[in-house]
């Protein structure tokens, strides 16, 4: 269990980062919900606060008075065991509470959590400390969602506004490094979380998984490589696509990745820094599982399994292009490849429970377990993931048609 003073400092830091992410927004930006998958920034700020209020303050702070009796309905996301909640598709219709009231809500909960920390100094409680850590990791997830949603909310505006014009610009690459194949021998491998540090319940228990010989690409597929797939009529070749994927791209007329725009012969890409010419050396971004799977088949390869990625990542340092680098966009691979950061990597593994999985007790058990259906696993983190939020066992998951998240393609190959 983490030292209480360190945990208190992390609480203050992470709560500050959420507000720092929203600092470039104007008041009008806090209210937009462009599609059902996104949420208004105002809602995110309130929901993560509701989490601390609901799971920590109400049951464990004897003198705590809820900030507003209706907030438990407005800002409950999906916890059925906690009562009713406002429909997800209608979050953008909540003009009230005002933005300033949401920030006042955050201040009130932060003050009450300070008192709870003081109590923990006198009466240590490992369970409470775990739920504080859970709440902090939950808020870090929503920091990533904030940036995903802000990008999509801005993308539907014909003005194509930039979220920030002062993002870090890395040194340009004259060429992209060729793919090198990491060779992994067949064997029985242990996967799943095992240390005393925090992890979500869906990362456990650690268990044995047999893997045949395989190869894993040391970097992500680039925009230039994916453009060859487009120009090779990959979106028109039915034999490349899963049946559901083919139906989806026909129904929604997908012809290229989300946020790509064609201007004559030139391609542009919407980023959090506004519209820019497409960098052919950068990893292709905002790709659905269906597109990733079709590309891999077109390239004569396949997508990796989540176990294959975890086994390789366990031997790699957690370093790369994360939120802290402040690029907020995937960058070209260097000579050492790309293992963590830049983009979440699609796997061909359906999101399901590990053998012997036990969800958290009570309402917190709804956090992960009930979504173990119709989702695919992604691994490795992205350019908007906090570096200290990442570990080799981390299992992200999205529906196969989702692509507003920062997702990309890593190829795998069976060793002949």
Protein backbone atom coordinates (compact mmCIF):
# COMPACT_ATOMS: atom_id res chain seq x y z
CA UNK A 1 0.00 0.00 0.00
CA UNK A 2 1.33 3.42 -0.96
CA UNK A 3 2.68 5.79 1.70
CA UNK A 4 -0.13 8.09 2.83
CA UNK A 5 1.87 11.29 2.29
CA UNK A 6 2.73 10.23 -1.24
CA UNK A 7 -0.91 9.34 -1.86
CA UNK A 8 -2.04 12.75 -0.58
CA UNK A 9 0.43 14.49 -2.92
CA UNK A 10 -0.76 12.34 -5.84
CA UNK A 11 -4.34 13.26 -5.08
CA UNK A 12 -3.54 16.97 -5.26
CA UNK A 13 -1.46 16.55 -8.43
CA UNK A 14 -3.98 14.46 -10.36
CA UNK A 15 -6.92 16.65 -9.40
CA UNK A 16 -4.92 19.66 -10.60
CA UNK A 17 -4.07 18.01 -13.94
CA UNK A 18 -7.76 17.56 -14.79
CA UNK A 19 -8.33 21.28 -14.38
CA UNK A 20 -5.10 22.05 -16.22
CA UNK A 21 -6.39 20.05 -19.21
CA UNK A 22 -9.55 22.17 -19.23
CA UNK A 23 -7.76 25.50 -18.77
CA UNK A 24 -7.50 26.27 -22.55
CA UNK A 25 -11.27 25.83 -22.97
CA UNK A 26 -13.76 28.66 -23.19
CA UNK A 27 -16.99 28.36 -21.21
CA UNK A 28 -18.92 27.33 -24.35
CA UNK A 29 -16.52 24.41 -24.94
CA UNK A 30 -17.40 22.77 -21.62
CA UNK A 31 -20.91 21.86 -22.81
CA UNK A 32 -20.36 20.13 -26.17
CA UNK A 33 -21.17 16.45 -26.74
CA UNK A 34 -20.53 15.71 -30.41
CA UNK A 35 -21.54 12.01 -30.39
CA UNK A 36 -22.98 9.60 -27.84
CA UNK A 37 -19.50 8.21 -27.12
CA UNK A 38 -18.16 11.58 -25.97
CA UNK A 39 -19.12 13.55 -22.87
CA UNK A 40 -18.95 17.29 -22.22
CA UNK A 41 -15.77 18.36 -20.37
CA UNK A 42 -18.00 19.76 -17.63
CA UNK A 43 -19.53 16.33 -17.10
CA UNK A 44 -16.10 14.65 -16.85
CA UNK A 45 -14.95 17.12 -14.18
CA UNK A 46 -18.09 16.49 -12.15
CA UNK A 47 -18.20 12.71 -12.65
CA UNK A 48 -14.70 12.04 -11.31
CA UNK A 49 -15.63 14.21 -8.31
CA UNK A 50 -18.86 12.25 -7.86
CA UNK A 51 -16.72 9.08 -7.72
CA UNK A 52 -14.79 10.34 -4.67
CA UNK A 53 -17.97 11.64 -3.06
CA UNK A 54 -19.86 8.37 -3.62
CA UNK A 55 -17.23 5.75 -2.82
CA UNK A 56 -15.29 7.59 -0.11
CA UNK A 57 -17.00 10.57 1.46
CA UNK A 58 -20.56 9.35 1.84
CA UNK A 59 -19.67 6.01 3.47
CA UNK A 60 -16.53 7.06 5.38
CA UNK A 61 -16.77 10.78 6.29
CA UNK A 62 -19.12 10.97 9.24
CA UNK A 63 -19.95 14.68 8.91
CA UNK A 64 -20.04 14.93 5.13
CA UNK A 65 -23.10 16.56 3.55
CA UNK A 66 -23.61 15.91 -0.20
CA UNK A 67 -22.90 18.99 -2.28
CA UNK A 68 -26.19 18.68 -4.22
CA UNK A 69 -28.82 15.92 -3.86
CA UNK A 70 -29.36 15.61 -7.64
CA UNK A 71 -25.69 15.28 -8.52
CA UNK A 72 -25.80 11.58 -7.60
CA UNK A 73 -28.15 11.13 -10.59
CA UNK A 74 -26.59 13.63 -13.03
CA UNK A 75 -23.02 12.40 -12.65
CA UNK A 76 -23.45 8.67 -12.07
CA UNK A 77 -22.13 7.11 -15.27
CA UNK A 78 -23.42 3.52 -15.29
CA UNK A 79 -23.56 2.17 -11.72
CA UNK A 80 -26.92 0.41 -11.65
CA UNK A 81 -26.51 -0.64 -8.01
CA UNK A 82 -26.32 3.03 -6.98
CA UNK A 83 -29.68 3.99 -8.50
CA UNK A 84 -30.83 5.84 -11.59
CA UNK A 85 -28.63 8.05 -13.75
CA UNK A 86 -29.02 10.65 -16.47
CA UNK A 87 -29.00 9.09 -20.00
CA UNK A 88 -25.53 9.11 -21.52
CA UNK A 89 -26.75 10.50 -24.84
CA UNK A 90 -28.26 13.53 -23.08
CA UNK A 91 -25.24 14.74 -21.11
CA UNK A 92 -24.75 17.56 -23.61
CA UNK A 93 -28.21 18.91 -22.75
CA UNK A 94 -27.24 19.73 -19.16
CA UNK A 95 -26.70 23.49 -19.32
CA UNK A 96 -26.96 23.43 -15.53
CA UNK A 97 -25.12 23.13 -13.23
CA UNK A 98 -22.94 25.98 -14.45
CA UNK A 99 -19.24 25.44 -15.06
CA UNK A 100 -18.43 27.53 -12.00
CA UNK A 101 -20.73 25.34 -9.91
CA UNK A 102 -18.91 22.22 -11.08
CA UNK A 103 -15.62 23.76 -10.00
CA UNK A 104 -17.20 24.67 -6.65
CA UNK A 105 -18.27 21.02 -6.35
CA UNK A 106 -14.69 19.94 -6.94
CA UNK A 107 -13.42 22.36 -4.27
CA UNK A 108 -15.94 21.09 -1.71
CA UNK A 109 -15.04 17.44 -2.30
CA UNK A 110 -11.31 18.22 -2.22
CA UNK A 111 -11.71 19.92 1.16
CA UNK A 112 -13.63 16.95 2.53
CA UNK A 113 -11.00 14.53 1.17
CA UNK A 114 -8.35 16.55 3.01
CA UNK A 115 -10.25 15.85 6.22
CA UNK A 116 -10.45 12.16 5.31
CA UNK A 117 -6.69 12.08 4.73
CA UNK A 118 -6.23 13.66 8.17
CA UNK A 119 -8.39 10.92 9.67
CA UNK A 120 -6.33 8.26 7.90
CA UNK A 121 -3.20 9.71 9.49
CA UNK A 122 -4.71 8.85 12.88
CA UNK A 123 -6.55 5.67 11.89
CA UNK A 124 -4.83 3.86 8.99
CA UNK A 125 -7.20 1.94 6.74
CA UNK A 126 -5.81 0.01 3.77
CA UNK A 127 -9.22 -0.42 2.16
CA UNK A 128 -9.86 3.33 2.16
CA UNK A 129 -6.41 3.98 0.74
CA UNK A 130 -7.09 1.47 -2.04
CA UNK A 131 -10.32 3.26 -2.97
CA UNK A 132 -8.52 6.61 -3.03
CA UNK A 133 -5.98 5.05 -5.40
CA UNK A 134 -8.81 3.60 -7.47
CA UNK A 135 -10.41 7.05 -7.65
CA UNK A 136 -7.13 8.61 -8.79
CA UNK A 137 -6.61 6.02 -11.52
CA UNK A 138 -10.23 6.53 -12.52
CA UNK A 139 -9.58 10.28 -12.83
CA UNK A 140 -6.48 9.61 -14.94
CA UNK A 141 -8.62 7.53 -17.28
CA UNK A 142 -11.01 10.45 -17.58
CA UNK A 143 -8.14 12.83 -18.28
CA UNK A 144 -7.47 10.73 -21.36
CA UNK A 145 -11.19 10.71 -22.17
CA UNK A 146 -11.27 14.49 -21.76
CA UNK A 147 -8.64 14.91 -24.48
CA UNK A 148 -10.28 12.32 -26.73
CA UNK A 149 -13.66 14.03 -26.37
CA UNK A 150 -12.35 17.58 -26.73
CA UNK A 151 -10.68 16.54 -29.99
CA UNK A 152 -13.87 15.02 -31.38
CA UNK A 153 -16.00 17.91 -30.15
CA UNK A 154 -13.72 20.36 -31.98
CA UNK A 155 -13.50 18.16 -35.10
CA UNK A 156 -17.20 18.53 -35.92
CA UNK A 157 -16.87 22.33 -35.94
CA UNK A 158 -16.33 23.61 -39.53
CA UNK A 159 -13.81 26.11 -38.13
CA UNK A 160 -11.60 23.18 -37.01
CA UNK A 161 -10.38 25.06 -33.94
CA UNK A 162 -7.19 24.08 -32.14
CA UNK A 163 -7.46 22.96 -28.55
CA UNK A 164 -3.92 24.30 -28.02
CA UNK A 165 -1.50 26.01 -30.40
CA UNK A 166 1.53 25.64 -28.12
CA UNK A 167 1.92 21.87 -28.04
CA UNK A 168 5.45 20.47 -28.01
CA UNK A 169 6.76 19.87 -31.52
CA UNK A 170 9.42 17.14 -31.66
CA UNK A 171 12.34 17.19 -34.06
CA UNK A 172 11.27 16.13 -37.57
CA UNK A 173 12.27 12.73 -38.91
CA UNK A 174 13.57 12.56 -42.46
CA UNK A 175 12.50 8.95 -42.76
CA UNK A 176 10.77 6.29 -40.72
CA UNK A 177 12.79 3.42 -39.28
CA UNK A 178 12.21 0.08 -40.96
CA UNK A 179 10.27 -2.48 -38.95
CA UNK A 180 12.40 -4.85 -36.93
CA UNK A 181 10.78 -8.06 -35.75
CA UNK A 182 11.06 -9.06 -32.11
CA UNK A 183 11.36 -12.85 -31.96
CA UNK A 184 9.72 -14.63 -29.02
CA UNK A 185 10.18 -18.34 -28.43
CA UNK A 186 7.26 -20.61 -27.68
CA UNK A 187 6.55 -21.45 -24.07
CA UNK A 188 4.32 -21.19 -21.04
CA UNK A 189 4.27 -17.58 -19.85
CA UNK A 190 2.80 -15.92 -16.80
CA UNK A 191 0.55 -12.96 -17.55
CA UNK A 192 -1.52 -10.75 -15.28
CA UNK A 193 -0.76 -8.43 -12.38
CA UNK A 194 1.21 -9.70 -9.42
CA UNK A 195 2.95 -6.82 -7.58
CA UNK A 196 1.74 -4.90 -4.53
CA UNK A 197 1.27 -1.77 -6.64
CA UNK A 198 -2.17 -0.70 -7.84
CA UNK A 199 -3.88 -2.52 -10.71
CA UNK A 200 -7.50 -2.90 -11.82
CA UNK A 201 -9.35 -6.07 -10.96
CA UNK A 202 -9.49 -7.13 -14.62
CA UNK A 203 -5.67 -7.50 -14.68
CA UNK A 204 -5.81 -10.43 -12.25
CA UNK A 205 -5.27 -13.16 -11.34
CA UNK A 206 -1.85 -13.92 -12.76
CA UNK A 207 -2.02 -17.16 -14.71
CA UNK A 208 -0.16 -19.32 -17.19
CA UNK A 209 -0.71 -18.83 -20.91
CA UNK A 210 0.93 -20.89 -23.65
CA UNK A 211 2.28 -18.98 -26.64
CA UNK A 212 3.67 -20.51 -29.86
CA UNK A 213 6.71 -18.88 -31.52
CA UNK A 214 5.79 -15.42 -32.77
CA UNK A 215 7.19 -12.15 -34.09
CA UNK A 216 6.10 -8.68 -32.98
CA UNK A 217 6.79 -5.48 -34.92
CA UNK A 218 8.95 -3.06 -32.97
CA UNK A 219 6.98 -0.04 -34.13
CA UNK A 220 3.49 1.00 -35.18
CA UNK A 221 2.13 1.16 -38.74
CA UNK A 222 2.62 4.65 -40.23
CA UNK A 223 0.30 7.01 -42.06
CA UNK A 224 2.34 6.44 -45.22
CA UNK A 225 1.96 2.68 -44.98
CA UNK A 226 -1.76 2.97 -44.30
CA UNK A 227 -2.11 5.36 -47.26
CA UNK A 228 -0.83 2.55 -49.48
CA UNK A 229 -3.69 0.40 -48.14
CA UNK A 230 -6.17 3.15 -49.07
CA UNK A 231 -4.67 3.70 -52.52
CA UNK A 232 -4.63 -0.06 -53.02
CA UNK A 233 -8.43 0.01 -52.58
CA UNK A 234 -8.30 -1.71 -49.21
CA UNK A 235 -11.65 -0.20 -48.24
CA UNK A 236 -13.23 -1.74 -51.35
CA UNK A 237 -11.91 -5.32 -51.02
CA UNK A 238 -14.56 -7.31 -49.18
CA UNK A 239 -12.24 -10.30 -48.69
CA UNK A 240 -10.07 -8.25 -46.29
CA UNK A 241 -12.86 -7.47 -43.86
CA UNK A 242 -14.71 -9.23 -41.10
CA UNK A 243 -18.41 -9.41 -41.90
CA UNK A 244 -19.40 -6.92 -39.17
CA UNK A 245 -16.58 -4.60 -40.22
CA UNK A 246 -17.58 -4.68 -43.90
CA UNK A 247 -21.18 -3.89 -42.99
CA UNK A 248 -20.02 -1.04 -40.72
CA UNK A 249 -17.73 0.68 -43.22
CA UNK A 250 -20.41 0.43 -45.93
CA UNK A 251 -23.11 1.78 -43.61
CA UNK A 252 -20.96 4.71 -42.45
CA UNK A 253 -19.05 5.23 -45.73
CA UNK A 254 -15.63 4.95 -44.14
CA UNK A 255 -12.85 5.46 -46.69
CA UNK A 256 -9.99 6.56 -44.43
CA UNK A 257 -9.11 7.00 -40.73
CA UNK A 258 -11.06 9.35 -38.52
CA UNK A 259 -9.77 12.97 -38.72
CA UNK A 260 -8.18 12.57 -42.17
CA UNK A 261 -9.33 15.14 -44.74
CA UNK A 262 -8.42 15.22 -48.44
CA UNK A 263 -7.67 18.58 -50.05
CA UNK A 264 -7.15 17.86 -53.72
CA UNK A 265 -4.17 15.51 -53.80
CA UNK A 266 -3.07 16.41 -50.30
CA UNK A 267 -4.12 14.82 -47.04
CA UNK A 268 -4.67 16.82 -43.86
CA UNK A 269 -5.19 15.56 -40.32
CA UNK A 270 -7.16 17.11 -37.48
CA UNK A 271 -5.09 17.15 -34.28
CA UNK A 272 -5.46 18.72 -30.85
CA UNK A 273 -3.24 21.44 -32.29
CA UNK A 274 -5.65 22.07 -35.18
CA UNK A 275 -5.52 20.97 -38.82
CA UNK A 276 -2.09 20.01 -40.19
CA UNK A 277 -0.63 18.29 -43.27
CA UNK A 278 -0.55 14.54 -42.75
CA UNK A 279 2.87 13.38 -41.54
CA UNK A 280 3.52 10.17 -43.46
CA UNK A 281 6.12 9.03 -40.90
CA UNK A 282 3.82 9.29 -37.87
CA UNK A 283 1.76 6.27 -36.75
CA UNK A 284 -1.70 6.02 -38.25
CA UNK A 285 -4.13 7.08 -35.54
CA UNK A 286 -7.82 6.75 -34.65
CA UNK A 287 -8.23 3.35 -36.26
CA UNK A 288 -11.02 0.93 -35.40
CA UNK A 289 -10.40 -2.74 -34.72
CA UNK A 290 -12.12 -3.54 -38.01
CA UNK A 291 -9.67 -1.32 -39.93
CA UNK A 292 -6.66 -2.61 -38.02
CA UNK A 293 -7.65 -6.22 -38.73
CA UNK A 294 -8.26 -5.52 -42.45
CA UNK A 295 -4.92 -3.73 -42.79
CA UNK A 296 -3.05 -6.58 -41.11
CA UNK A 297 -4.66 -9.08 -43.49
CA UNK A 298 -3.80 -6.85 -46.49
CA UNK A 299 -0.18 -6.67 -45.26
CA UNK A 300 0.02 -10.47 -44.99
CA UNK A 301 0.34 -10.31 -41.21
CA UNK A 302 -2.05 -10.40 -38.24
CA UNK A 303 -2.81 -8.46 -35.09
CA UNK A 304 -1.06 -9.63 -31.92
CA UNK A 305 -2.81 -11.23 -28.99
CA UNK A 306 -2.86 -9.32 -25.72
CA UNK A 307 -0.71 -12.03 -24.10
CA UNK A 308 1.95 -11.64 -26.80
CA UNK A 309 2.15 -7.90 -26.21
CA UNK A 310 2.25 -8.25 -22.42
CA UNK A 311 5.06 -10.80 -22.51
CA UNK A 312 7.17 -8.48 -24.66
CA UNK A 313 6.29 -5.29 -22.76
CA UNK A 314 7.24 -6.83 -19.41
CA UNK A 315 10.89 -6.68 -20.51
CA UNK A 316 10.70 -3.09 -21.80
CA UNK A 317 11.08 0.15 -19.80
CA UNK A 318 7.88 2.19 -19.52
CA UNK A 319 9.13 5.06 -21.65
CA UNK A 320 7.94 6.82 -24.78
CA UNK A 321 5.60 9.53 -25.98
CA UNK A 322 3.13 9.97 -23.11
CA UNK A 323 0.94 12.83 -21.85
CA UNK A 324 3.92 14.31 -20.02
CA UNK A 325 5.77 14.94 -23.31
CA UNK A 326 2.95 17.38 -24.18
CA UNK A 327 2.85 16.48 -27.88
CA UNK A 328 -0.66 15.00 -27.52
CA UNK A 329 -0.15 13.31 -30.89
CA UNK A 330 1.70 10.14 -31.94
CA UNK A 331 5.24 10.67 -33.19
CA UNK A 332 7.47 8.80 -35.67
CA UNK A 333 9.41 5.87 -34.26
CA UNK A 334 13.10 6.18 -33.54
CA UNK A 335 15.72 3.52 -34.09
CA UNK A 336 14.72 1.79 -30.85
CA UNK A 337 11.14 1.37 -32.03
CA UNK A 338 7.89 2.11 -30.20
CA UNK A 339 6.75 -0.06 -27.33
CA UNK A 340 4.88 2.13 -24.86
CA UNK A 341 3.00 5.35 -25.51
CA UNK A 342 2.07 7.00 -28.82
CA UNK A 343 -1.01 4.84 -29.47
CA UNK A 344 -3.00 2.07 -27.83
CA UNK A 345 -2.40 -1.08 -29.87
CA UNK A 346 -5.34 -3.16 -31.01
CA UNK A 347 -5.07 -6.87 -30.24
CA UNK A 348 -7.12 -9.70 -31.70
CA UNK A 349 -8.15 -10.72 -28.16
CA UNK A 350 -11.74 -10.32 -27.06
CA UNK A 351 -12.11 -8.66 -23.67
CA UNK A 352 -13.03 -11.37 -21.21
CA UNK A 353 -12.28 -12.45 -17.65
CA UNK A 354 -9.03 -14.14 -16.75
CA UNK A 355 -9.40 -17.63 -15.20
CA UNK A 356 -10.42 -17.14 -11.57
CA UNK A 357 -11.33 -13.46 -12.01
CA UNK A 358 -13.13 -11.90 -9.06
CA UNK A 359 -14.58 -8.39 -9.40
CA UNK A 360 -14.25 -5.83 -6.63
CA UNK A 361 -16.91 -6.15 -3.91
CA UNK A 362 -20.02 -3.99 -3.94
CA UNK A 363 -20.82 -1.31 -6.51
CA UNK A 364 -17.14 -0.96 -7.46
CA UNK A 365 -17.49 -4.40 -9.06
CA UNK A 366 -19.35 -2.68 -11.90
CA UNK A 367 -16.17 -0.82 -12.88
CA UNK A 368 -14.82 -3.46 -15.29
CA UNK A 369 -16.46 -6.86 -15.08
CA UNK A 370 -19.82 -6.09 -16.63
CA UNK A 371 -18.21 -4.85 -19.85
CA UNK A 372 -16.63 -8.20 -20.67
CA UNK A 373 -18.68 -8.66 -23.82
CA UNK A 374 -18.46 -7.29 -27.38
CA UNK A 375 -15.19 -5.45 -26.69
CA UNK A 376 -11.62 -5.89 -27.91
CA UNK A 377 -8.47 -5.39 -25.83
CA UNK A 378 -5.85 -2.69 -26.52
CA UNK A 379 -2.41 -2.48 -24.92
CA UNK A 380 0.54 -0.14 -24.36
CA UNK A 381 -0.83 3.35 -23.64
CA UNK A 382 -0.90 6.45 -25.82
CA UNK A 383 0.37 9.99 -26.22
CA UNK A 384 -2.43 11.20 -23.93
CA UNK A 385 -1.93 8.52 -21.25
CA UNK A 386 -0.07 9.57 -18.10
CA UNK A 387 3.19 7.64 -17.87
CA UNK A 388 2.68 6.78 -14.19
CA UNK A 389 -0.73 5.33 -15.08
CA UNK A 390 0.82 2.67 -17.33
CA UNK A 391 2.04 -0.89 -16.68
CA UNK A 392 2.62 -3.96 -18.84
CA UNK A 393 -0.54 -5.69 -17.55
CA UNK A 394 -2.91 -2.75 -18.27
CA UNK A 395 -5.95 -3.88 -20.29
CA UNK A 396 -7.80 -1.17 -22.16
CA UNK A 397 -10.92 -2.13 -24.12
CA UNK A 398 -13.22 -0.63 -26.72
CA UNK A 399 -15.91 -1.84 -29.10
CA UNK A 400 -14.47 -2.97 -32.46
CA UNK A 401 -16.09 -0.04 -34.30
CA UNK A 402 -14.77 2.66 -31.91
CA UNK A 403 -12.04 4.91 -33.24
CA UNK A 404 -12.23 8.26 -31.44
CA UNK A 405 -9.71 6.87 -28.94
CA UNK A 406 -5.96 7.17 -29.72
CA UNK A 407 -5.58 3.71 -31.24
CA UNK A 408 -3.21 2.30 -33.83
CA UNK A 409 -1.79 -0.85 -35.39
CA UNK A 410 1.10 -3.09 -34.39
CA UNK A 411 1.63 -6.10 -36.61
CA UNK A 412 2.45 -9.63 -35.53
CA UNK A 413 3.50 -12.70 -37.42
CA UNK A 414 3.61 -16.42 -36.82
CA UNK A 415 7.14 -17.78 -36.95
CA UNK A 416 7.34 -20.30 -39.79
